[in-house]
Amino acid sequence: MARKEFTYRGRTAEELKAMAIDELALILPSNERRKIKRGFSPAERSLLKKLAKRDRVKTQSREMVVLPSMFGKTVMVHSGKEYLPVLIQPEMVGRRLGSYVLTRKMVKHSAAGVTATKAEERGKSESKSEAKAEKKEEKK
């Protein structure tokens, strides 16, 4: 089955690449349009210059808007601990780089807690308050 050609608001990736940033801003969502209108920070301007020269760049600018000039490049985005690679694809246009790199790990619980295993060893399931009351009586 043939893959459907990507379009963003009725424009192909090639048309998006040919657009000026001001023209692109008119079709982006309001937050991204406002960001472009107010101008990029010095770090974001530096990122764009580096991307023009190289295919792989490290950055901490998680708030940078994905632009068509970035298509096909790899941006190493900082997660707060390490730099994670993000391959920029046409489907990402108008989103922020930070939305593709998570800053928090998924919580993975391993085994049951200490009090749960002690209750199992005694052969009955008690509440914590009952277990504490029992320990106090044993001490006396």
Protein backbone atom coordinates (compact mmCIF):
# COMPACT_ATOMS: atom_id res chain seq x y z
CA MET A 1 0.00 0.00 0.00
CA ALA A 2 1.40 3.39 -0.98
CA ARG A 3 2.24 5.76 1.84
CA LYS A 4 0.16 8.91 1.86
CA GLU A 5 2.16 12.10 1.28
CA PHE A 6 2.51 14.32 4.35
CA THR A 7 0.71 17.67 4.35
CA TYR A 8 0.53 20.31 7.06
CA ARG A 9 -2.59 22.43 6.72
CA GLY A 10 -2.73 21.64 3.00
CA ARG A 11 0.98 22.20 2.26
CA THR A 12 3.57 19.54 1.44
CA ALA A 13 6.97 19.30 3.13
CA GLU A 14 8.69 20.83 0.08
CA GLU A 15 6.28 23.79 0.11
CA LEU A 16 6.92 24.27 3.83
CA LYS A 17 10.71 24.28 3.27
CA ALA A 18 10.34 26.95 0.57
CA MET A 19 8.29 29.26 2.86
CA ALA A 20 9.80 32.18 4.73
CA ILE A 21 9.52 32.01 8.53
CA ASP A 22 6.95 34.86 8.53
CA GLU A 23 4.73 32.97 6.07
CA LEU A 24 5.08 29.79 8.12
CA ALA A 25 4.09 31.66 11.28
CA LEU A 26 0.71 32.49 9.73
CA ILE A 27 -0.27 28.80 9.49
CA LEU A 28 1.16 27.66 12.85
CA PRO A 29 -0.89 27.50 16.09
CA SER A 30 -1.08 30.70 18.14
CA ASN A 31 1.64 29.88 20.72
CA GLU A 32 4.18 29.03 18.04
CA ARG A 33 3.15 32.04 15.93
CA ARG A 34 3.67 34.29 18.95
CA LYS A 35 7.09 32.75 19.65
CA ILE A 36 8.23 33.39 16.06
CA LYS A 37 6.78 36.91 16.05
CA ARG A 38 8.65 37.85 19.25
CA GLY A 39 11.90 36.40 17.94
CA PHE A 40 14.11 33.53 18.96
CA SER A 41 16.44 33.63 21.95
CA PRO A 42 20.21 33.76 21.33
CA ALA A 43 20.48 30.03 22.16
CA GLU A 44 17.75 29.21 19.62
CA ARG A 45 19.39 31.37 16.93
CA SER A 46 22.66 29.57 17.62
CA LEU A 47 20.87 26.22 17.25
CA LEU A 48 19.50 27.23 13.83
CA LYS A 49 22.99 28.30 12.66
CA LYS A 50 24.51 25.01 13.84
CA LEU A 51 21.76 22.99 12.14
CA ALA A 52 22.50 24.77 8.86
CA LYS A 53 26.11 23.49 9.05
CA ARG A 54 25.72 20.06 10.69
CA ASP A 55 23.26 17.18 10.81
CA ARG A 56 23.62 16.41 14.53
CA VAL A 57 23.48 19.12 17.22
CA LYS A 58 23.15 19.15 21.04
CA THR A 59 20.80 21.65 22.67
CA GLN A 60 19.07 22.53 25.91
CA SER A 61 16.52 24.70 24.07
CA ARG A 62 13.50 22.50 24.73
CA GLU A 63 11.16 25.40 23.88
CA MET A 64 12.42 25.67 20.29
CA VAL A 65 9.68 25.31 17.67
CA VAL A 66 10.33 22.63 15.02
CA LEU A 67 10.80 24.43 11.69
CA PRO A 68 10.90 22.97 8.15
CA SER A 69 14.61 23.84 7.87
CA MET A 70 15.27 21.14 10.51
CA PHE A 71 13.75 18.23 8.54
CA GLY A 72 16.03 15.18 8.39
CA LYS A 73 18.43 16.45 11.08
CA THR A 74 19.09 14.88 14.48
CA VAL A 75 18.81 17.15 17.50
CA MET A 76 20.16 15.91 20.83
CA VAL A 77 17.68 17.41 23.31
CA HIS A 78 18.55 17.65 27.00
CA SER A 79 16.18 15.75 29.30
CA GLY A 80 17.58 17.27 32.50
CA LYS A 81 20.01 14.39 32.94
CA GLU A 82 21.24 13.42 29.48
CA TYR A 83 20.94 14.31 25.80
CA LEU A 84 18.49 12.14 23.88
CA PRO A 85 18.42 12.02 20.05
CA VAL A 86 15.34 13.27 18.19
CA LEU A 87 15.19 12.76 14.41
CA ILE A 88 13.18 15.68 13.03
CA GLN A 89 10.45 14.57 10.62
CA PRO A 90 7.89 16.67 8.70
CA GLU A 91 5.10 15.48 11.03
CA MET A 92 6.79 17.35 13.90
CA VAL A 93 6.49 20.83 12.38
CA GLY A 94 4.94 23.38 14.75
CA ARG A 95 5.65 21.38 17.92
CA ARG A 96 8.31 22.02 20.59
CA LEU A 97 11.50 19.95 20.85
CA GLY A 98 10.86 19.29 24.54
CA SER A 99 7.63 17.44 23.81
CA TYR A 100 9.64 14.59 22.26
CA VAL A 101 11.98 14.04 25.23
CA LEU A 102 10.52 13.02 28.59
CA THR A 103 12.00 14.52 31.74
CA ARG A 104 10.66 11.90 34.15
CA LYS A 105 11.13 8.15 34.31
CA MET A 106 8.26 5.70 34.48
CA VAL A 107 7.82 4.30 38.00
CA LYS A 108 8.41 0.56 38.09
CA HIS A 109 7.48 -1.12 41.35
CA SER A 110 9.38 -4.29 42.13
CA ALA A 111 8.28 -6.41 45.08
CA ALA A 112 5.85 -5.96 47.95
CA GLY A 113 6.85 -3.81 50.90
CA VAL A 114 8.43 -5.04 54.15
CA THR A 115 5.22 -5.06 56.20
CA ALA A 116 3.36 -6.98 53.50
CA THR A 117 5.89 -9.82 53.54
CA LYS A 118 5.94 -10.02 57.36
CA ALA A 119 2.16 -10.36 57.41
CA GLU A 120 2.37 -13.15 54.86
CA GLU A 121 4.96 -14.98 56.99
CA ARG A 122 2.62 -14.93 59.98
CA GLY A 123 -0.08 -16.46 57.82
CA LYS A 124 -2.57 -13.67 58.24
CA SER A 125 -3.02 -10.28 56.67
CA GLU A 126 -3.12 -7.55 59.30
CA SER A 127 -3.34 -3.84 59.03
CA LYS A 128 -0.30 -1.79 60.04
CA SER A 129 -2.01 -0.44 63.14
CA GLU A 130 -2.80 -3.97 64.38
CA ALA A 131 0.83 -5.01 63.78
CA LYS A 132 2.12 -1.99 65.74
CA ALA A 133 -0.24 -2.70 68.63
CA GLU A 134 0.98 -6.29 68.72
CA LYS A 135 4.65 -5.20 68.83
CA LYS A 136 3.95 -2.85 71.74
CA GLU A 137 2.34 -5.67 73.71
CA GLU A 138 5.32 -7.94 73.03
CA LYS A 139 7.76 -5.30 74.38
CA LYS A 140 5.83 -5.04 77.69
